Every structure is written in C-alpha cells, then in structure tokens.
Amino acid sequence: VFETMEPFLADFWESDLLAELNIQANLQGRT
C-alpha cells in the first residue's frame, strides 16, 4: 500500500541517507 502510494519510497527505505549526505558534502569539501 505504501509503496503504491509513494513510488520512490521502497528505494528511500533501503537507502543509507547518512552515506548519501556524506557523499554530497565531500563533493563540496564539507563534512
């Protein structure tokens, strides 16, 4: 039900948000 209503939710649930943030911060020379 949730994944039907929110088509990108399954990917988001499985993502490592802190790792994604660190990648983007590193690209900007930040932490």
Full PDB file with SEQRES, HELIX, SHEET, SSBOND, CRYST1, ORIGX, SCALE, CONECT and MASTER records, all heavy atoms in Angstrom:
SEQRES   1 A   31  VAL PHE GLU THR MET GLU PRO PHE LEU ALA ASP PHE TRP          
SEQRES   2 A   31  GLU SER ASP LEU LEU ALA GLU LEU ASN ILE GLN ALA ASN          
SEQRES   3 A   31  LEU GLN GLY ARG THR                                          
HELIX    1 AA1 PHE A    2  MET A    5  1                                   4    
HELIX    2 AA2 LEU A    9  GLU A   14  1                                   6    
HELIX    3 AA3 LEU A   17  LEU A   27  1                                  11    
CRYST1    1.000    1.000    1.000  90.00  90.00  90.00 P 1           1          
ORIGX1      1.000000  0.000000  0.000000        0.00000                         
ORIGX2      0.000000  1.000000  0.000000        0.00000                         
ORIGX3      0.000000  0.000000  1.000000        0.00000                         
SCALE1      1.000000  0.000000  0.000000        0.00000                         
SCALE2      0.000000  1.000000  0.000000        0.00000                         
SCALE3      0.000000  0.000000  1.000000        0.00000                         
ATOM      1  N   VAL A   1       0.840  -1.202   0.000  1.00  0.00           N  
ATOM      2  CA  VAL A   1       0.000   0.000   0.000  1.00  0.00           C  
ATOM      3  C   VAL A   1       0.874   1.251   0.000  1.00  0.00           C  
ATOM      4  O   VAL A   1       0.695   2.152  -0.824  1.00  0.00           O  
ATOM      5  CB  VAL A   1      -0.975   0.002   1.201  1.00  0.00           C  
ATOM      6  CG1 VAL A   1      -1.627   1.369   1.373  1.00  0.00           C  
ATOM      7  CG2 VAL A   1      -2.019  -1.082   1.040  1.00  0.00           C  
ATOM      8  N   PHE A   2       1.841   1.310   0.911  1.00  0.00           N  
ATOM      9  CA  PHE A   2       2.717   2.484   0.988  1.00  0.00           C  
ATOM     10  C   PHE A   2       3.523   2.663  -0.297  1.00  0.00           C  
ATOM     11  O   PHE A   2       3.651   3.775  -0.807  1.00  0.00           O  
ATOM     12  CB  PHE A   2       3.662   2.386   2.192  1.00  0.00           C  
ATOM     13  CG  PHE A   2       3.039   2.877   3.453  1.00  0.00           C  
ATOM     14  CD1 PHE A   2       2.466   1.982   4.349  1.00  0.00           C  
ATOM     15  CD2 PHE A   2       3.014   4.218   3.758  1.00  0.00           C  
ATOM     16  CE1 PHE A   2       1.881   2.417   5.514  1.00  0.00           C  
ATOM     17  CE2 PHE A   2       2.429   4.678   4.921  1.00  0.00           C  
ATOM     18  CZ  PHE A   2       1.854   3.776   5.804  1.00  0.00           C  
ATOM     19  N   GLU A   3       4.068   1.590  -0.810  1.00  0.00           N  
ATOM     20  CA  GLU A   3       4.909   1.684  -1.996  1.00  0.00           C  
ATOM     21  C   GLU A   3       4.093   1.994  -3.252  1.00  0.00           C  
ATOM     22  O   GLU A   3       4.623   2.558  -4.205  1.00  0.00           O  
ATOM     23  CB  GLU A   3       5.736   0.414  -2.161  1.00  0.00           C  
ATOM     24  CG  GLU A   3       6.784   0.284  -1.080  1.00  0.00           C  
ATOM     25  CD  GLU A   3       7.512  -1.049  -1.065  1.00  0.00           C  
ATOM     26  OE1 GLU A   3       7.274  -1.879  -1.964  1.00  0.00           O  
ATOM     27  OE2 GLU A   3       8.316  -1.257  -0.146  1.00  0.00           O  
ATOM     28  N   THR A   4       2.821   1.663  -3.261  1.00  0.00           N  
ATOM     29  CA  THR A   4       1.950   2.026  -4.379  1.00  0.00           C  
ATOM     30  C   THR A   4       1.634   3.517  -4.328  1.00  0.00           C  
ATOM     31  O   THR A   4       1.659   4.204  -5.348  1.00  0.00           O  
ATOM     32  CB  THR A   4       0.646   1.200  -4.349  1.00  0.00           C  
ATOM     33  OG1 THR A   4       0.992  -0.191  -4.449  1.00  0.00           O  
ATOM     34  CG2 THR A   4      -0.281   1.587  -5.482  1.00  0.00           C  
ATOM     35  N   MET A   5       1.357   4.014  -3.133  1.00  0.00           N  
ATOM     36  CA  MET A   5       1.050   5.443  -2.975  1.00  0.00           C  
ATOM     37  C   MET A   5       2.293   6.311  -3.153  1.00  0.00           C  
ATOM     38  O   MET A   5       2.193   7.449  -3.589  1.00  0.00           O  
ATOM     39  CB  MET A   5       0.436   5.699  -1.590  1.00  0.00           C  
ATOM     40  CG  MET A   5      -0.913   5.071  -1.413  1.00  0.00           C  
ATOM     41  SD  MET A   5      -1.736   5.397   0.178  1.00  0.00           S  
ATOM     42  CE  MET A   5      -0.460   5.760   1.324  1.00  0.00           C  
ATOM     43  N   GLU A   6       3.439   5.790  -2.799  1.00  0.00           N  
ATOM     44  CA  GLU A   6       4.706   6.528  -2.835  1.00  0.00           C  
ATOM     45  C   GLU A   6       5.698   5.732  -3.681  1.00  0.00           C  
ATOM     46  O   GLU A   6       6.437   4.898  -3.167  1.00  0.00           O  
ATOM     47  CB  GLU A   6       5.260   6.703  -1.417  1.00  0.00           C  
ATOM     48  CG  GLU A   6       4.323   7.371  -0.437  1.00  0.00           C  
ATOM     49  CD  GLU A   6       4.268   8.883  -0.618  1.00  0.00           C  
ATOM     50  OE1 GLU A   6       4.867   9.417  -1.558  1.00  0.00           O  
ATOM     51  OE2 GLU A   6       3.597   9.534   0.198  1.00  0.00           O  
ATOM     52  N   PRO A   7       5.764   5.966  -4.982  1.00  0.00           N  
ATOM     53  CA  PRO A   7       6.550   5.102  -5.872  1.00  0.00           C  
ATOM     54  C   PRO A   7       8.059   5.066  -5.600  1.00  0.00           C  
ATOM     55  O   PRO A   7       8.714   4.107  -5.995  1.00  0.00           O  
ATOM     56  CB  PRO A   7       6.260   5.649  -7.268  1.00  0.00           C  
ATOM     57  CG  PRO A   7       5.542   6.916  -7.091  1.00  0.00           C  
ATOM     58  CD  PRO A   7       5.020   6.986  -5.707  1.00  0.00           C  
ATOM     59  N   PHE A   8       8.609   6.059  -4.923  1.00  0.00           N  
ATOM     60  CA  PHE A   8      10.051   6.063  -4.645  1.00  0.00           C  
ATOM     61  C   PHE A   8      10.374   5.666  -3.198  1.00  0.00           C  
ATOM     62  O   PHE A   8      11.525   5.687  -2.785  1.00  0.00           O  
ATOM     63  CB  PHE A   8      10.652   7.438  -4.960  1.00  0.00           C  
ATOM     64  CG  PHE A   8      10.400   7.858  -6.377  1.00  0.00           C  
ATOM     65  CD1 PHE A   8       9.526   8.896  -6.661  1.00  0.00           C  
ATOM     66  CD2 PHE A   8      11.012   7.186  -7.425  1.00  0.00           C  
ATOM     67  CE1 PHE A   8       9.282   9.268  -7.984  1.00  0.00           C  
ATOM     68  CE2 PHE A   8      10.772   7.547  -8.742  1.00  0.00           C  
ATOM     69  CZ  PHE A   8       9.908   8.594  -9.018  1.00  0.00           C  
ATOM     70  N   LEU A   9       9.341   5.312  -2.443  1.00  0.00           N  
ATOM     71  CA  LEU A   9       9.531   5.001  -1.026  1.00  0.00           C  
ATOM     72  C   LEU A   9      10.369   3.755  -0.805  1.00  0.00           C  
ATOM     73  O   LEU A   9      11.227   3.739   0.088  1.00  0.00           O  
ATOM     74  CB  LEU A   9       8.179   4.867  -0.320  1.00  0.00           C  
ATOM     75  CG  LEU A   9       8.213   4.583   1.173  1.00  0.00           C  
ATOM     76  CD1 LEU A   9       9.015   5.644   1.928  1.00  0.00           C  
ATOM     77  CD2 LEU A   9       6.795   4.501   1.726  1.00  0.00           C  
ATOM     78  N   ALA A  10      10.188   2.712  -1.584  1.00  0.00           N  
ATOM     79  CA  ALA A  10      10.959   1.475  -1.382  1.00  0.00           C  
ATOM     80  C   ALA A  10      12.453   1.753  -1.476  1.00  0.00           C  
ATOM     81  O   ALA A  10      13.235   1.306  -0.633  1.00  0.00           O  
ATOM     82  CB  ALA A  10      10.550   0.416  -2.394  1.00  0.00           C  
ATOM     83  N   ASP A  11      12.849   2.525  -2.479  1.00  0.00           N  
ATOM     84  CA  ASP A  11      14.261   2.897  -2.622  1.00  0.00           C  
ATOM     85  C   ASP A  11      14.725   3.735  -1.432  1.00  0.00           C  
ATOM     86  O   ASP A  11      15.814   3.534  -0.900  1.00  0.00           O  
ATOM     87  CB  ASP A  11      14.479   3.665  -3.927  1.00  0.00           C  
ATOM     88  CG  ASP A  11      15.908   4.129  -4.063  1.00  0.00           C  
ATOM     89  OD1 ASP A  11      16.798   3.265  -4.219  1.00  0.00           O  
ATOM     90  OD2 ASP A  11      16.149   5.355  -3.985  1.00  0.00           O  
ATOM     91  N   PHE A  12      13.902   4.674  -1.012  1.00  0.00           N  
ATOM     92  CA  PHE A  12      14.267   5.528   0.123  1.00  0.00           C  
ATOM     93  C   PHE A  12      14.411   4.706   1.398  1.00  0.00           C  
ATOM     94  O   PHE A  12      15.338   4.916   2.177  1.00  0.00           O  
ATOM     95  CB  PHE A  12      13.225   6.637   0.302  1.00  0.00           C  
ATOM     96  CG  PHE A  12      13.572   7.593   1.402  1.00  0.00           C  
ATOM     97  CD1 PHE A  12      14.607   8.512   1.246  1.00  0.00           C  
ATOM     98  CD2 PHE A  12      12.883   7.577   2.590  1.00  0.00           C  
ATOM     99  CE1 PHE A  12      14.942   9.388   2.263  1.00  0.00           C  
ATOM    100  CE2 PHE A  12      13.196   8.456   3.613  1.00  0.00           C  
ATOM    101  CZ  PHE A  12      14.237   9.365   3.448  1.00  0.00           C  
ATOM    102  N   TRP A  13      13.491   3.770   1.632  1.00  0.00           N  
ATOM    103  CA  TRP A  13      13.573   2.921   2.814  1.00  0.00           C  
ATOM    104  C   TRP A  13      14.895   2.159   2.859  1.00  0.00           C  
ATOM    105  O   TRP A  13      15.444   1.936   3.926  1.00  0.00           O  
ATOM    106  CB  TRP A  13      12.429   1.912   2.822  1.00  0.00           C  
ATOM    107  CG  TRP A  13      11.206   2.355   3.563  1.00  0.00           C  
ATOM    108  CD1 TRP A  13      11.120   3.299   4.550  1.00  0.00           C  
ATOM    109  CD2 TRP A  13       9.881   1.845   3.398  1.00  0.00           C  
ATOM    110  NE1 TRP A  13       9.833   3.405   4.994  1.00  0.00           N  
ATOM    111  CE2 TRP A  13       9.052   2.521   4.312  1.00  0.00           C  
ATOM    112  CE3 TRP A  13       9.331   0.882   2.578  1.00  0.00           C  
ATOM    113  CZ2 TRP A  13       7.690   2.266   4.427  1.00  0.00           C  
ATOM    114  CZ3 TRP A  13       7.971   0.627   2.691  1.00  0.00           C  
ATOM    115  CH2 TRP A  13       7.163   1.316   3.606  1.00  0.00           C  
ATOM    116  N   GLU A  14      15.372   1.742   1.721  1.00  0.00           N  
ATOM    117  CA  GLU A  14      16.599   0.937   1.666  1.00  0.00           C  
ATOM    118  C   GLU A  14      17.872   1.785   1.591  1.00  0.00           C  
ATOM    119  O   GLU A  14      18.975   1.264   1.715  1.00  0.00           O  
ATOM    120  CB  GLU A  14      16.549  -0.008   0.459  1.00  0.00           C  
ATOM    121  CG  GLU A  14      15.421  -1.023   0.532  1.00  0.00           C  
ATOM    122  CD  GLU A  14      15.522  -1.979   1.705  1.00  0.00           C  
ATOM    123  OE1 GLU A  14      16.640  -2.288   2.154  1.00  0.00           O  
ATOM    124  OE2 GLU A  14      14.460  -2.435   2.186  1.00  0.00           O  
ATOM    125  N   SER A  15      17.732   3.081   1.396  1.00  0.00           N  
ATOM    126  CA  SER A  15      18.910   3.935   1.226  1.00  0.00           C  
ATOM    127  C   SER A  15      19.601   4.206   2.564  1.00  0.00           C  
ATOM    128  O   SER A  15      18.981   4.154   3.623  1.00  0.00           O  
ATOM    129  CB  SER A  15      18.518   5.256   0.569  1.00  0.00           C  
ATOM    130  OG  SER A  15      17.764   6.051   1.462  1.00  0.00           O  
ATOM    131  N   ASP A  16      20.874   4.520   2.475  1.00  0.00           N  
ATOM    132  CA  ASP A  16      21.649   4.962   3.630  1.00  0.00           C  
ATOM    133  C   ASP A  16      21.789   6.473   3.510  1.00  0.00           C  
ATOM    134  O   ASP A  16      22.695   6.985   2.858  1.00  0.00           O  
ATOM    135  CB  ASP A  16      23.021   4.279   3.642  1.00  0.00           C  
ATOM    136  CG  ASP A  16      23.849   4.645   4.857  1.00  0.00           C  
ATOM    137  OD1 ASP A  16      23.553   5.658   5.532  1.00  0.00           O  
ATOM    138  OD2 ASP A  16      24.819   3.916   5.133  1.00  0.00           O  
ATOM    139  N   LEU A  17      20.854   7.181   4.106  1.00  0.00           N  
ATOM    140  CA  LEU A  17      20.777   8.626   3.956  1.00  0.00           C  
ATOM    141  C   LEU A  17      22.036   9.328   4.447  1.00  0.00           C  
ATOM    142  O   LEU A  17      22.500  10.291   3.828  1.00  0.00           O  
ATOM    143  CB  LEU A  17      19.537   9.156   4.677  1.00  0.00           C  
ATOM    144  CG  LEU A  17      19.150  10.597   4.420  1.00  0.00           C  
ATOM    145  CD1 LEU A  17      19.001  10.886   2.934  1.00  0.00           C  
ATOM    146  CD2 LEU A  17      17.862  10.928   5.151  1.00  0.00           C  
ATOM    147  N   LEU A  18      22.610   8.854   5.535  1.00  0.00           N  
ATOM    148  CA  LEU A  18      23.837   9.482   6.039  1.00  0.00           C  
ATOM    149  C   LEU A  18      24.992   9.296   5.065  1.00  0.00           C  
ATOM    150  O   LEU A  18      25.789  10.223   4.859  1.00  0.00           O  
ATOM    151  CB  LEU A  18      24.194   8.933   7.422  1.00  0.00           C  
ATOM    152  CG  LEU A  18      23.176   9.260   8.525  1.00  0.00           C  
ATOM    153  CD1 LEU A  18      23.581   8.605   9.832  1.00  0.00           C  
ATOM    154  CD2 LEU A  18      23.015  10.755   8.687  1.00  0.00           C  
ATOM    155  N   ALA A  19      25.080   8.152   4.439  1.00  0.00           N  
ATOM    156  CA  ALA A  19      26.119   7.931   3.428  1.00  0.00           C  
ATOM    157  C   ALA A  19      25.893   8.853   2.234  1.00  0.00           C  
ATOM    158  O   ALA A  19      26.849   9.447   1.705  1.00  0.00           O  
ATOM    159  CB  ALA A  19      26.142   6.471   2.985  1.00  0.00           C  
ATOM    160  N   GLU A  20      24.645   8.993   1.806  1.00  0.00           N  
ATOM    161  CA  GLU A  20      24.332   9.895   0.695  1.00  0.00           C  
ATOM    162  C   GLU A  20      24.710  11.334   1.033  1.00  0.00           C  
ATOM    163  O   GLU A  20      25.267  12.056   0.199  1.00  0.00           O  
ATOM    164  CB  GLU A  20      22.850   9.814   0.341  1.00  0.00           C  
ATOM    165  CG  GLU A  20      22.441   8.517  -0.312  1.00  0.00           C  
ATOM    166  CD  GLU A  20      20.961   8.470  -0.673  1.00  0.00           C  
ATOM    167  OE1 GLU A  20      20.335   9.541  -0.849  1.00  0.00           O  
ATOM    168  OE2 GLU A  20      20.425   7.358  -0.792  1.00  0.00           O  
ATOM    169  N   LEU A  21      24.403  11.753   2.254  1.00  0.00           N  
ATOM    170  CA  LEU A  21      24.766  13.105   2.693  1.00  0.00           C  
ATOM    171  C   LEU A  21      26.277  13.300   2.699  1.00  0.00           C  
ATOM    172  O   LEU A  21      26.776  14.344   2.276  1.00  0.00           O  
ATOM    173  CB  LEU A  21      24.197  13.382   4.086  1.00  0.00           C  
ATOM    174  CG  LEU A  21      22.744  13.792   4.127  1.00  0.00           C  
ATOM    175  CD1 LEU A  21      22.183  13.612   5.523  1.00  0.00           C  
ATOM    176  CD2 LEU A  21      22.587  15.227   3.658  1.00  0.00           C  
ATOM    177  N   ASN A  22      26.991  12.300   3.192  1.00  0.00           N  
ATOM    178  CA  ASN A  22      28.452  12.413   3.234  1.00  0.00           C  
ATOM    179  C   ASN A  22      29.056  12.511   1.836  1.00  0.00           C  
ATOM    180  O   ASN A  22      30.019  13.246   1.629  1.00  0.00           O  
ATOM    181  CB  ASN A  22      29.065  11.253   4.019  1.00  0.00           C  
ATOM    182  CG  ASN A  22      28.976  11.498   5.512  1.00  0.00           C  
ATOM    183  OD1 ASN A  22      29.358  12.556   5.992  1.00  0.00           O  
ATOM    184  ND2 ASN A  22      28.464  10.533   6.238  1.00  0.00           N  
ATOM    185  N   ILE A  23      28.505  11.791   0.886  1.00  0.00           N  
ATOM    186  CA  ILE A  23      28.992  11.889  -0.497  1.00  0.00           C  
ATOM    187  C   ILE A  23      28.808  13.312  -1.014  1.00  0.00           C  
ATOM    188  O   ILE A  23      29.737  13.916  -1.565  1.00  0.00           O  
ATOM    189  CB  ILE A  23      28.262  10.874  -1.406  1.00  0.00           C  
ATOM    190  CG1 ILE A  23      28.715   9.453  -1.080  1.00  0.00           C  
ATOM    191  CG2 ILE A  23      28.490  11.195  -2.884  1.00  0.00           C  
ATOM    192  CD1 ILE A  23      27.850   8.369  -1.701  1.00  0.00           C  
ATOM    193  N   GLN A  24      27.628  13.865  -0.824  1.00  0.00           N  
ATOM    194  CA  GLN A  24      27.356  15.221  -1.305  1.00  0.00           C  
ATOM    195  C   GLN A  24      28.199  16.265  -0.564  1.00  0.00           C  
ATOM    196  O   GLN A  24      28.686  17.223  -1.176  1.00  0.00           O  
ATOM    197  CB  GLN A  24      25.861  15.550  -1.192  1.00  0.00           C  
ATOM    198  CG  GLN A  24      24.976  14.688  -2.067  1.00  0.00           C  
ATOM    199  CD  GLN A  24      25.396  14.699  -3.515  1.00  0.00           C  
ATOM    200  OE1 GLN A  24      25.737  15.741  -4.084  1.00  0.00           O  
ATOM    201  NE2 GLN A  24      25.412  13.531  -4.138  1.00  0.00           N  
ATOM    202  N   ALA A  25      28.391  16.087   0.719  1.00  0.00           N  
ATOM    203  CA  ALA A  25      29.228  17.013   1.490  1.00  0.00           C  
ATOM    204  C   ALA A  25      30.676  16.950   1.006  1.00  0.00           C  
ATOM    205  O   ALA A  25      31.316  17.996   0.819  1.00  0.00           O  
ATOM    206  CB  ALA A  25      29.139  16.692   2.982  1.00  0.00           C  
ATOM    207  N   ASN A  26      31.198  15.742   0.807  1.00  0.00           N  
ATOM    208  CA  ASN A  26      32.573  15.589   0.321  1.00  0.00           C  
ATOM    209  C   ASN A  26      32.776  16.271  -1.023  1.00  0.00           C  
ATOM    210  O   ASN A  26      33.836  16.856  -1.268  1.00  0.00           O  
ATOM    211  CB  ASN A  26      32.956  14.110   0.226  1.00  0.00           C  
ATOM    212  CG  ASN A  26      33.181  13.487   1.581  1.00  0.00           C  
ATOM    213  OD1 ASN A  26      33.497  14.174   2.548  1.00  0.00           O  
ATOM    214  ND2 ASN A  26      32.994  12.186   1.669  1.00  0.00           N  
ATOM    215  N   LEU A  27      31.792  16.195  -1.903  1.00  0.00           N  
ATOM    216  CA  LEU A  27      31.879  16.862  -3.206  1.00  0.00           C  
ATOM    217  C   LEU A  27      31.999  18.376  -3.070  1.00  0.00           C  
ATOM    218  O   LEU A  27      32.532  19.043  -3.959  1.00  0.00           O  
ATOM    219  CB  LEU A  27      30.672  16.498  -4.075  1.00  0.00           C  
ATOM    220  CG  LEU A  27      30.617  15.055  -4.570  1.00  0.00           C  
ATOM    221  CD1 LEU A  27      29.277  14.770  -5.248  1.00  0.00           C  
ATOM    222  CD2 LEU A  27      31.773  14.772  -5.525  1.00  0.00           C  
ATOM    223  N   GLN A  28      31.521  18.901  -1.952  1.00  0.00           N  
ATOM    224  CA  GLN A  28      31.601  20.345  -1.693  1.00  0.00           C  
ATOM    225  C   GLN A  28      32.739  20.686  -0.733  1.00  0.00           C  
ATOM    226  O   GLN A  28      32.874  21.834  -0.306  1.00  0.00           O  
ATOM    227  CB  GLN A  28      30.278  20.847  -1.114  1.00  0.00           C  
ATOM    228  CG  GLN A  28      29.113  20.713  -2.060  1.00  0.00           C  
ATOM    229  CD  GLN A  28      27.817  21.214  -1.465  1.00  0.00           C  
ATOM    230  OE1 GLN A  28      27.791  22.145  -0.653  1.00  0.00           O  
ATOM    231  NE2 GLN A  28      26.705  20.623  -1.875  1.00  0.00           N  
ATOM    232  N   GLY A  29      33.557  19.694  -0.385  1.00  0.00           N  
ATOM    233  CA  GLY A  29      34.648  19.938   0.555  1.00  0.00           C  
ATOM    234  C   GLY A  29      34.167  20.207   1.967  1.00  0.00           C  
ATOM    235  O   GLY A  29      34.811  20.917   2.727  1.00  0.00           O  
ATOM    236  N   ARG A  30      33.056  19.603   2.329  1.00  0.00           N  
ATOM    237  CA  ARG A  30      32.447  19.837   3.642  1.00  0.00           C  
ATOM    238  C   ARG A  30      32.245  18.501   4.349  1.00  0.00           C  
ATOM    239  O   ARG A  30      32.419  17.443   3.766  1.00  0.00           O  
ATOM    240  CB  ARG A  30      31.114  20.572   3.473  1.00  0.00           C  
ATOM    241  CG  ARG A  30      31.309  21.891   2.699  1.00  0.00           C  
ATOM    242  CD  ARG A  30      30.032  22.607   2.475  1.00  0.00           C  
ATOM    243  NE  ARG A  30      29.733  23.361   3.689  1.00  0.00           N  
ATOM    244  CZ  ARG A  30      28.599  24.005   3.891  1.00  0.00           C  
ATOM    245  NH1 ARG A  30      27.647  23.977   2.982  1.00  0.00           N  
ATOM    246  NH2 ARG A  30      28.388  24.675   4.997  1.00  0.00           N  
ATOM    247  N   THR A  31      31.839  18.584   5.596  1.00  0.00           N  
ATOM    248  CA  THR A  31      31.515  17.382   6.360  1.00  0.00           C  
ATOM    249  C   THR A  31      30.134  17.538   6.990  1.00  0.00           C  
ATOM    250  O   THR A  31      29.658  18.653   7.203  1.00  0.00           O  
ATOM    251  CB  THR A  31      32.544  17.090   7.478  1.00  0.00           C  
ATOM    252  OG1 THR A  31      32.563  18.194   8.378  1.00  0.00           O  
ATOM    253  CG2 THR A  31      33.927  16.853   6.909  1.00  0.00           C  
TER     254      THR A  31                                                      
MASTER        0    0    0    3    0    0    0    6  253    1    0    3          
END                                                                             
